[in-house]
Amino acid sequence: MRFATYPDRRGLHVFTGVADSPAAALRRAHEVYDAALVAHTADSRSGKQPDSWGARGLRPGWQMEWPAARAGLWNNPVSWTSRSDFAL
């Protein structure tokens, strides 16, 4: 994402949720961002959608750069556990 007034200011926005492919993850991220933007404009809260995707904390003046978006498995860098830590 970039700040519209000062294009040299850039940032990241992380979306999380379940998807069966990178393309599906990018599609859902775009959908929930668009829904959050509409809710923000209407001064309401979008919250999480039934499939656990959601977007909050929209920052006025910042624009997403969807062509540069990438999707992949998320590994929380501050997590003390991982899926491999559990056995069934």
PDB file of N, CA and C in Angstrom:
ATOM      1  N   MET A   1       0.837  -1.157   0.000  1.00  0.00           N
ATOM      2  CA  MET A   1       0.000   0.000   0.000  1.00  0.00           C
ATOM      3  C   MET A   1       0.893   1.235   0.000  1.00  0.00           C
ATOM      4  N   ARG A   2       0.314   2.338  -0.428  1.00  0.00           N
ATOM      5  CA  ARG A   2       1.067   3.587  -0.454  1.00  0.00           C
ATOM      6  C   ARG A   2       0.172   4.723   0.011  1.00  0.00           C
ATOM      7  N   PHE A   3       0.819   5.775   0.490  1.00  0.00           N
ATOM      8  CA  PHE A   3       0.101   6.950   0.964  1.00  0.00           C
ATOM      9  C   PHE A   3      -0.097   7.866  -0.227  1.00  0.00           C
ATOM     10  N   ALA A   4      -1.342   8.209  -0.533  1.00  0.00           N
ATOM     11  CA  ALA A   4      -1.660   8.965  -1.745  1.00  0.00           C
ATOM     12  C   ALA A   4      -0.984  10.334  -1.786  1.00  0.00           C
ATOM     13  N   THR A   5      -0.934  11.021  -0.662  1.00  0.00           N
ATOM     14  CA  THR A   5      -0.357  12.358  -0.636  1.00  0.00           C
ATOM     15  C   THR A   5       1.161  12.331  -0.798  1.00  0.00           C
ATOM     16  N   TYR A   6       1.808  11.326  -0.208  1.00  0.00           N
ATOM     17  CA  TYR A   6       3.261  11.172  -0.283  1.00  0.00           C
ATOM     18  C   TYR A   6       3.571   9.769  -0.808  1.00  0.00           C
ATOM     19  N   PRO A   7       3.601   9.579  -2.128  1.00  0.00           N
ATOM     20  CA  PRO A   7       3.751   8.239  -2.712  1.00  0.00           C
ATOM     21  C   PRO A   7       5.012   7.482  -2.291  1.00  0.00           C
ATOM     22  N   ASP A   8       6.022   8.182  -1.760  1.00  0.00           N
ATOM     23  CA  ASP A   8       7.222   7.487  -1.307  1.00  0.00           C
ATOM     24  C   ASP A   8       6.995   6.770   0.025  1.00  0.00           C
ATOM     25  N   ARG A   9       5.890   7.059   0.699  1.00  0.00           N
ATOM     26  CA  ARG A   9       5.536   6.353   1.929  1.00  0.00           C
ATOM     27  C   ARG A   9       4.793   5.078   1.551  1.00  0.00           C
ATOM     28  N   ARG A  10       5.348   3.958   1.960  1.00  0.00           N
ATOM     29  CA  ARG A  10       4.753   2.664   1.628  1.00  0.00           C
ATOM     30  C   ARG A  10       4.577   1.837   2.895  1.00  0.00           C
ATOM     31  N   GLY A  11       3.691   0.887   2.828  1.00  0.00           N
ATOM     32  CA  GLY A  11       3.454   0.015   3.978  1.00  0.00           C
ATOM     33  C   GLY A  11       2.923  -1.322   3.527  1.00  0.00           C
ATOM     34  N   LEU A  12       2.618  -2.160   4.480  1.00  0.00           N
ATOM     35  CA  LEU A  12       2.061  -3.487   4.214  1.00  0.00           C
ATOM     36  C   LEU A  12       0.738  -3.618   4.940  1.00  0.00           C
ATOM     37  N   HIS A  13      -0.124  -4.404   4.387  1.00  0.00           N
ATOM     38  CA  HIS A  13      -1.372  -4.756   5.047  1.00  0.00           C
ATOM     39  C   HIS A  13      -1.465  -6.270   4.986  1.00  0.00           C
ATOM     40  N   VAL A  14      -1.644  -6.904   6.121  1.00  0.00           N
ATOM     41  CA  VAL A  14      -1.700  -8.366   6.176  1.00  0.00           C
ATOM     42  C   VAL A  14      -3.141  -8.801   6.367  1.00  0.00           C
ATOM     43  N   PHE A  15      -3.599  -9.668   5.485  1.00  0.00           N
ATOM     44  CA  PHE A  15      -4.918 -10.283   5.589  1.00  0.00           C
ATOM     45  C   PHE A  15      -4.696 -11.747   5.950  1.00  0.00           C
ATOM     46  N   THR A  16      -5.510 -12.291   6.815  1.00  0.00           N
ATOM     47  CA  THR A  16      -5.414 -13.706   7.135  1.00  0.00           C
ATOM     48  C   THR A  16      -6.775 -14.353   6.999  1.00  0.00           C
ATOM     49  N   GLY A  17      -6.782 -15.593   6.637  1.00  0.00           N
ATOM     50  CA  GLY A  17      -8.008 -16.362   6.495  1.00  0.00           C
ATOM     51  C   GLY A  17      -7.694 -17.656   5.766  1.00  0.00           C
ATOM     52  N   VAL A  18      -8.651 -18.519   5.704  1.00  0.00           N
ATOM     53  CA  VAL A  18      -8.477 -19.811   5.057  1.00  0.00           C
ATOM     54  C   VAL A  18      -8.804 -19.700   3.575  1.00  0.00           C
ATOM     55  N   ALA A  19      -7.940 -20.268   2.746  1.00  0.00           N
ATOM     56  CA  ALA A  19      -8.169 -20.299   1.298  1.00  0.00           C
ATOM     57  C   ALA A  19      -7.507 -21.554   0.752  1.00  0.00           C
ATOM     58  N   ASP A  20      -8.030 -22.043  -0.358  1.00  0.00           N
ATOM     59  CA  ASP A  20      -7.464 -23.267  -0.929  1.00  0.00           C
ATOM     60  C   ASP A  20      -6.411 -22.997  -1.998  1.00  0.00           C
ATOM     61  N   SER A  21      -6.131 -21.714  -2.274  1.00  0.00           N
ATOM     62  CA  SER A  21      -5.101 -21.383  -3.247  1.00  0.00           C
ATOM     63  C   SER A  21      -4.688 -19.923  -3.059  1.00  0.00           C
ATOM     64  N   PRO A  22      -3.515 -19.547  -3.542  1.00  0.00           N
ATOM     65  CA  PRO A  22      -3.124 -18.138  -3.471  1.00  0.00           C
ATOM     66  C   PRO A  22      -4.108 -17.225  -4.201  1.00  0.00           C
ATOM     67  N   ALA A  23      -4.626 -17.673  -5.340  1.00  0.00           N
ATOM     68  CA  ALA A  23      -5.588 -16.856  -6.088  1.00  0.00           C
ATOM     69  C   ALA A  23      -6.859 -16.631  -5.271  1.00  0.00           C
ATOM     70  N   ALA A  24      -7.329 -17.667  -4.585  1.00  0.00           N
ATOM     71  CA  ALA A  24      -8.526 -17.525  -3.749  1.00  0.00           C
ATOM     72  C   ALA A  24      -8.245 -16.595  -2.570  1.00  0.00           C
ATOM     73  N   ALA A  25      -7.050 -16.668  -1.993  1.00  0.00           N
ATOM     74  CA  ALA A  25      -6.690 -15.792  -0.883  1.00  0.00           C
ATOM     75  C   ALA A  25      -6.665 -14.331  -1.335  1.00  0.00           C
ATOM     76  N   LEU A  26      -6.076 -14.063  -2.478  1.00  0.00           N
ATOM     77  CA  LEU A  26      -6.044 -12.693  -2.989  1.00  0.00           C
ATOM     78  C   LEU A  26      -7.452 -12.183  -3.287  1.00  0.00           C
ATOM     79  N   ARG A  27      -8.286 -13.037  -3.844  1.00  0.00           N
ATOM     80  CA  ARG A  27      -9.664 -12.648  -4.138  1.00  0.00           C
ATOM     81  C   ARG A  27     -10.409 -12.296  -2.854  1.00  0.00           C
ATOM     82  N   ARG A  28     -10.286 -13.156  -1.822  1.00  0.00           N
ATOM     83  CA  ARG A  28     -10.984 -12.905  -0.554  1.00  0.00           C
ATOM     84  C   ARG A  28     -10.452 -11.653   0.131  1.00  0.00           C
ATOM     85  N   ALA A  29      -9.128 -11.446   0.088  1.00  0.00           N
ATOM     86  CA  ALA A  29      -8.542 -10.246   0.689  1.00  0.00           C
ATOM     87  C   ALA A  29      -9.109  -8.997   0.019  1.00  0.00           C
ATOM     88  N   HIS A  30      -9.188  -9.029  -1.290  1.00  0.00           N
ATOM     89  CA  HIS A  30      -9.731  -7.884  -2.026  1.00  0.00           C
ATOM     90  C   HIS A  30     -11.202  -7.675  -1.668  1.00  0.00           C
ATOM     91  N   GLU A  31     -11.963  -8.759  -1.589  1.00  0.00           N
ATOM     92  CA  GLU A  31     -13.388  -8.655  -1.262  1.00  0.00           C
ATOM     93  C   GLU A  31     -13.604  -8.075   0.137  1.00  0.00           C
ATOM     94  N   VAL A  32     -12.862  -8.573   1.135  1.00  0.00           N
ATOM     95  CA  VAL A  32     -13.089  -8.078   2.495  1.00  0.00           C
ATOM     96  C   VAL A  32     -12.575  -6.647   2.645  1.00  0.00           C
ATOM     97  N   TYR A  33     -11.529  -6.300   1.919  1.00  0.00           N
ATOM     98  CA  TYR A  33     -11.060  -4.919   1.961  1.00  0.00           C
ATOM     99  C   TYR A  33     -12.120  -3.990   1.375  1.00  0.00           C
ATOM    100  N   ASP A  34     -12.675  -4.387   0.225  1.00  0.00           N
ATOM    101  CA  ASP A  34     -13.722  -3.572  -0.397  1.00  0.00           C
ATOM    102  C   ASP A  34     -14.928  -3.428   0.526  1.00  0.00           C
ATOM    103  N   ALA A  35     -15.325  -4.521   1.194  1.00  0.00           N
ATOM    104  CA  ALA A  35     -16.461  -4.475   2.122  1.00  0.00           C
ATOM    105  C   ALA A  35     -16.145  -3.569   3.311  1.00  0.00           C
ATOM    106  N   ALA A  36     -14.919  -3.644   3.825  1.00  0.00           N
ATOM    107  CA  ALA A  36     -14.531  -2.790   4.949  1.00  0.00           C
ATOM    108  C   ALA A  36     -14.494  -1.326   4.537  1.00  0.00           C
ATOM    109  N   LEU A  37     -14.064  -1.065   3.322  1.00  0.00           N
ATOM    110  CA  LEU A  37     -14.020   0.309   2.829  1.00  0.00           C
ATOM    111  C   LEU A  37     -15.431   0.888   2.711  1.00  0.00           C
ATOM    112  N   VAL A  38     -16.368   0.093   2.209  1.00  0.00           N
ATOM    113  CA  VAL A  38     -17.770   0.531   2.115  1.00  0.00           C
ATOM    114  C   VAL A  38     -18.324   0.774   3.521  1.00  0.00           C
ATOM    115  N   ALA A  39     -18.043  -0.138   4.456  1.00  0.00           N
ATOM    116  CA  ALA A  39     -18.534   0.021   5.827  1.00  0.00           C
ATOM    117  C   ALA A  39     -17.911   1.251   6.485  1.00  0.00           C
ATOM    118  N   HIS A  40     -16.630   1.473   6.238  1.00  0.00           N
ATOM    119  CA  HIS A  40     -15.948   2.639   6.802  1.00  0.00           C
ATOM    120  C   HIS A  40     -16.565   3.932   6.263  1.00  0.00           C
ATOM    121  N   THR A  41     -16.845   3.947   4.974  1.00  0.00           N
ATOM    122  CA  THR A  41     -17.463   5.115   4.347  1.00  0.00           C
ATOM    123  C   THR A  41     -18.851   5.364   4.934  1.00  0.00           C
ATOM    124  N   ALA A  42     -19.567   4.283   5.245  1.00  0.00           N
ATOM    125  CA  ALA A  42     -20.913   4.402   5.819  1.00  0.00           C
ATOM    126  C   ALA A  42     -20.860   4.568   7.342  1.00  0.00           C
ATOM    127  N   ASP A  43     -19.631   4.646   7.900  1.00  0.00           N
ATOM    128  CA  ASP A  43     -19.426   4.804   9.336  1.00  0.00           C
ATOM    129  C   ASP A  43     -20.023   3.649  10.134  1.00  0.00           C
ATOM    130  N   SER A  44     -19.796   2.442   9.662  1.00  0.00           N
ATOM    131  CA  SER A  44     -20.219   1.258  10.405  1.00  0.00           C
ATOM    132  C   SER A  44     -19.023   0.325  10.514  1.00  0.00           C
ATOM    133  N   ARG A  45     -19.198  -0.822  11.154  1.00  0.00           N
ATOM    134  CA  ARG A  45     -18.106  -1.773  11.312  1.00  0.00           C
ATOM    135  C   ARG A  45     -18.424  -3.030  10.517  1.00  0.00           C
ATOM    136  N   SER A  46     -17.432  -3.500   9.748  1.00  0.00           N
ATOM    137  CA  SER A  46     -17.665  -4.666   8.907  1.00  0.00           C
ATOM    138  C   SER A  46     -17.488  -5.963   9.666  1.00  0.00           C
ATOM    139  N   GLY A  47     -16.532  -6.054  10.575  1.00  0.00           N
ATOM    140  CA  GLY A  47     -16.291  -7.276  11.320  1.00  0.00           C
ATOM    141  C   GLY A  47     -15.817  -8.404  10.428  1.00  0.00           C
ATOM    142  N   LYS A  48     -15.698  -9.577  11.029  1.00  0.00           N
ATOM    143  CA  LYS A  48     -15.266 -10.747  10.266  1.00  0.00           C
ATOM    144  C   LYS A  48     -16.436 -11.347   9.527  1.00  0.00           C
ATOM    145  N   GLN A  49     -16.127 -11.903   8.381  1.00  0.00           N
ATOM    146  CA  GLN A  49     -17.138 -12.584   7.593  1.00  0.00           C
ATOM    147  C   GLN A  49     -17.210 -14.040   8.045  1.00  0.00           C
ATOM    148  N   PRO A  50     -18.254 -14.770   7.663  1.00  0.00           N
ATOM    149  CA  PRO A  50     -18.437 -16.137   8.164  1.00  0.00           C
ATOM    150  C   PRO A  50     -17.254 -17.079   7.914  1.00  0.00           C
ATOM    151  N   ASP A  51     -16.467 -16.836   6.880  1.00  0.00           N
ATOM    152  CA  ASP A  51     -15.342 -17.730   6.611  1.00  0.00           C
ATOM    153  C   ASP A  51     -14.052 -17.256   7.280  1.00  0.00           C
ATOM    154  N   SER A  52     -14.147 -16.391   8.269  1.00  0.00           N
ATOM    155  CA  SER A  52     -13.072 -15.875   9.114  1.00  0.00           C
ATOM    156  C   SER A  52     -12.258 -14.745   8.499  1.00  0.00           C
ATOM    157  N   TRP A  53     -12.529 -14.366   7.271  1.00  0.00           N
ATOM    158  CA  TRP A  53     -11.821 -13.243   6.666  1.00  0.00           C
ATOM    159  C   TRP A  53     -12.432 -11.946   7.169  1.00  0.00           C
ATOM    160  N   GLY A  54     -11.613 -10.923   7.304  1.00  0.00           N
ATOM    161  CA  GLY A  54     -12.103  -9.626   7.726  1.00  0.00           C
ATOM    162  C   GLY A  54     -11.029  -8.575   7.544  1.00  0.00           C
ATOM    163  N   ALA A  55     -11.407  -7.323   7.586  1.00  0.00           N
ATOM    164  CA  ALA A  55     -10.455  -6.210   7.472  1.00  0.00           C
ATOM    165  C   ALA A  55     -10.895  -5.108   8.417  1.00  0.00           C
ATOM    166  N   ARG A  56      -9.948  -4.588   9.160  1.00  0.00           N
ATOM    167  CA  ARG A  56     -10.206  -3.479  10.073  1.00  0.00           C
ATOM    168  C   ARG A  56      -9.012  -2.536  10.033  1.00  0.00           C
ATOM    169  N   GLY A  57      -9.166  -1.404  10.656  1.00  0.00           N
ATOM    170  CA  GLY A  57      -8.060  -0.475  10.765  1.00  0.00           C
ATOM    171  C   GLY A  57      -7.707   0.220   9.464  1.00  0.00           C
ATOM    172  N   LEU A  58      -8.709   0.556   8.672  1.00  0.00           N
ATOM    173  CA  LEU A  58      -8.440   1.266   7.428  1.00  0.00           C
ATOM    174  C   LEU A  58      -7.856   2.632   7.748  1.00  0.00           C
ATOM    175  N   ARG A  59      -6.891   3.028   6.967  1.00  0.00           N
ATOM    176  CA  ARG A  59      -6.228   4.303   7.206  1.00  0.00           C
ATOM    177  C   ARG A  59      -6.536   5.250   6.060  1.00  0.00           C
ATOM    178  N   PRO A  60      -7.223   6.357   6.344  1.00  0.00           N
ATOM    179  CA  PRO A  60      -7.540   7.326   5.281  1.00  0.00           C
ATOM    180  C   PRO A  60      -6.275   7.794   4.573  1.00  0.00           C
ATOM    181  N   GLY A  61      -6.373   7.898   3.265  1.00  0.00           N
ATOM    182  CA  GLY A  61      -5.247   8.374   2.469  1.00  0.00           C
ATOM    183  C   GLY A  61      -4.332   7.285   1.944  1.00  0.00           C
ATOM    184  N   TRP A  62      -4.459   6.077   2.479  1.00  0.00           N
ATOM    185  CA  TRP A  62      -3.630   4.965   2.015  1.00  0.00           C
ATOM    186  C   TRP A  62      -4.384   4.190   0.943  1.00  0.00           C
ATOM    187  N   GLN A  63      -3.678   3.777  -0.092  1.00  0.00           N
ATOM    188  CA  GLN A  63      -4.289   3.030  -1.194  1.00  0.00           C
ATOM    189  C   GLN A  63      -3.590   1.687  -1.347  1.00  0.00           C
ATOM    190  N   MET A  64      -4.397   0.660  -1.532  1.00  0.00           N
ATOM    191  CA  MET A  64      -3.840  -0.683  -1.751  1.00  0.00           C
ATOM    192  C   MET A  64      -3.238  -0.751  -3.150  1.00  0.00           C
ATOM    193  N   GLU A  65      -2.191  -1.510  -3.290  1.00  0.00           N
ATOM    194  CA  GLU A  65      -1.572  -1.758  -4.591  1.00  0.00           C
ATOM    195  C   GLU A  65      -1.807  -3.231  -4.931  1.00  0.00           C
ATOM    196  N   TRP A  66      -3.023  -3.529  -5.361  1.00  0.00           N
ATOM    197  CA  TRP A  66      -3.417  -4.920  -5.594  1.00  0.00           C
ATOM    198  C   TRP A  66      -2.546  -5.651  -6.609  1.00  0.00           C
ATOM    199  N   PRO A  67      -2.058  -5.024  -7.678  1.00  0.00           N
ATOM    200  CA  PRO A  67      -1.198  -5.771  -8.601  1.00  0.00           C
ATOM    201  C   PRO A  67       0.086  -6.296  -7.937  1.00  0.00           C
ATOM    202  N   ALA A  68       0.513  -5.664  -6.856  1.00  0.00           N
ATOM    203  CA  ALA A  68       1.730  -6.103  -6.162  1.00  0.00           C
ATOM    204  C   ALA A  68       1.428  -7.119  -5.055  1.00  0.00           C
ATOM    205  N   ALA A  69       0.158  -7.412  -4.806  1.00  0.00           N
ATOM    206  CA  ALA A  69      -0.219  -8.312  -3.709  1.00  0.00           C
ATOM    207  C   ALA A  69       0.246  -9.742  -3.977  1.00  0.00           C
ATOM    208  N   ARG A  70       0.661 -10.393  -2.908  1.00  0.00           N
ATOM    209  CA  ARG A  70       1.103 -11.791  -2.972  1.00  0.00           C
ATOM    210  C   ARG A  70       0.421 -12.559  -1.855  1.00  0.00           C
ATOM    211  N   ALA A  71       0.228 -13.855  -2.070  1.00  0.00           N
ATOM    212  CA  ALA A  71      -0.401 -14.703  -1.060  1.00  0.00           C
ATOM    213  C   ALA A  71       0.482 -15.917  -0.805  1.00  0.00           C
ATOM    214  N   GLY A  72       0.476 -16.370   0.421  1.00  0.00           N
ATOM    215  CA  GLY A  72       1.234 -17.554   0.788  1.00  0.00           C
ATOM    216  C   GLY A  72       0.848 -17.979   2.193  1.00  0.00           C
ATOM    217  N   LEU A  73       1.434 -19.066   2.645  1.00  0.00           N
ATOM    218  CA  LEU A  73       1.165 -19.546   3.991  1.00  0.00           C
ATOM    219  C   LEU A  73       1.710 -18.544   5.002  1.00  0.00           C
ATOM    220  N   TRP A  74       0.947 -18.304   6.039  1.00  0.00           N
ATOM    221  CA  TRP A  74       1.348 -17.349   7.067  1.00  0.00           C
ATOM    222  C   TRP A  74       1.965 -18.096   8.242  1.00  0.00           C
ATOM    223  N   ASN A  75       3.142 -17.697   8.609  1.00  0.00           N
ATOM    224  CA  ASN A  75       3.794 -18.188   9.815  1.00  0.00           C
ATOM    225  C   ASN A  75       3.970 -16.999  10.735  1.00  0.00           C
ATOM    226  N   ASN A  76       3.258 -17.005  11.842  1.00  0.00           N
ATOM    227  CA  ASN A  76       3.308 -15.892  12.776  1.00  0.00           C
ATOM    228  C   ASN A  76       4.699 -15.820  13.396  1.00  0.00           C
ATOM    229  N   PRO A  77       5.430 -14.731  13.167  1.00  0.00           N
ATOM    230  CA  PRO A  77       6.798 -14.658  13.681  1.00  0.00           C
ATOM    231  C   PRO A  77       6.878 -14.528  15.200  1.00  0.00           C
ATOM    232  N   VAL A  78       5.787 -14.199  15.871  1.00  0.00           N
ATOM    233  CA  VAL A  78       5.812 -14.077  17.325  1.00  0.00           C
ATOM    234  C   VAL A  78       5.105 -15.234  18.022  1.00  0.00           C
ATOM    235  N   SER A  79       4.675 -16.222  17.265  1.00  0.00           N
ATOM    236  CA  SER A  79       3.978 -17.358  17.844  1.00  0.00           C
ATOM    237  C   SER A  79       4.977 -18.295  18.525  1.00  0.00           C
ATOM    238  N   TRP A  80       4.581 -18.822  19.667  1.00  0.00           N
ATOM    239  CA  TRP A  80       5.434 -19.775  20.377  1.00  0.00           C
ATOM    240  C   TRP A  80       5.103 -21.206  19.978  1.00  0.00           C
ATOM    241  N   THR A  81       4.062 -21.372  19.215  1.00  0.00           N
ATOM    242  CA  THR A  81       3.681 -22.710  18.775  1.00  0.00           C
ATOM    243  C   THR A  81       3.480 -22.713  17.274  1.00  0.00           C
ATOM    244  N   SER A  82       3.475 -23.881  16.719  1.00  0.00           N
ATOM    245  CA  SER A  82       3.146 -24.045  15.315  1.00  0.00           C
ATOM    246  C   SER A  82       2.328 -25.313  15.187  1.00  0.00           C
ATOM    247  N   ARG A  83       1.758 -25.510  14.039  1.00  0.00           N
ATOM    248  CA  ARG A  83       0.939 -26.711  13.842  1.00  0.00           C
ATOM    249  C   ARG A  83       1.727 -27.986  14.094  1.00  0.00           C
ATOM    250  N   SER A  84       3.017 -27.958  13.792  1.00  0.00           N
ATOM    251  CA  SER A  84       3.830 -29.164  13.986  1.00  0.00           C
ATOM    252  C   SER A  84       4.045 -29.489  15.458  1.00  0.00           C
ATOM    253  N   ASP A  85       3.704 -28.541  16.367  1.00  0.00           N
ATOM    254  CA  ASP A  85       3.890 -28.785  17.786  1.00  0.00           C
ATOM    255  C   ASP A  85       2.808 -29.677  18.368  1.00  0.00           C
ATOM    256  N   PHE A  86       1.772 -29.952  17.621  1.00  0.00           N
ATOM    257  CA  PHE A  86       0.654 -30.731  18.128  1.00  0.00           C
ATOM    258  C   PHE A  86       0.558 -32.064  17.404  1.00  0.00           C
ATOM    259  N   ALA A  87       0.194 -33.074  18.133  1.00  0.00           N
ATOM    260  CA  ALA A  87       0.017 -34.404  17.543  1.00  0.00           C
ATOM    261  C   ALA A  87      -1.389 -34.872  17.846  1.00  0.00           C
ATOM    262  N   LEU A  88      -1.955 -35.635  16.927  1.00  0.00           N
ATOM    263  CA  LEU A  88      -3.286 -36.196  17.146  1.00  0.00           C
ATOM    264  C   LEU A  88      -3.178 -37.623  17.583  1.00  0.00           C
TER     265      LEU A  88
END
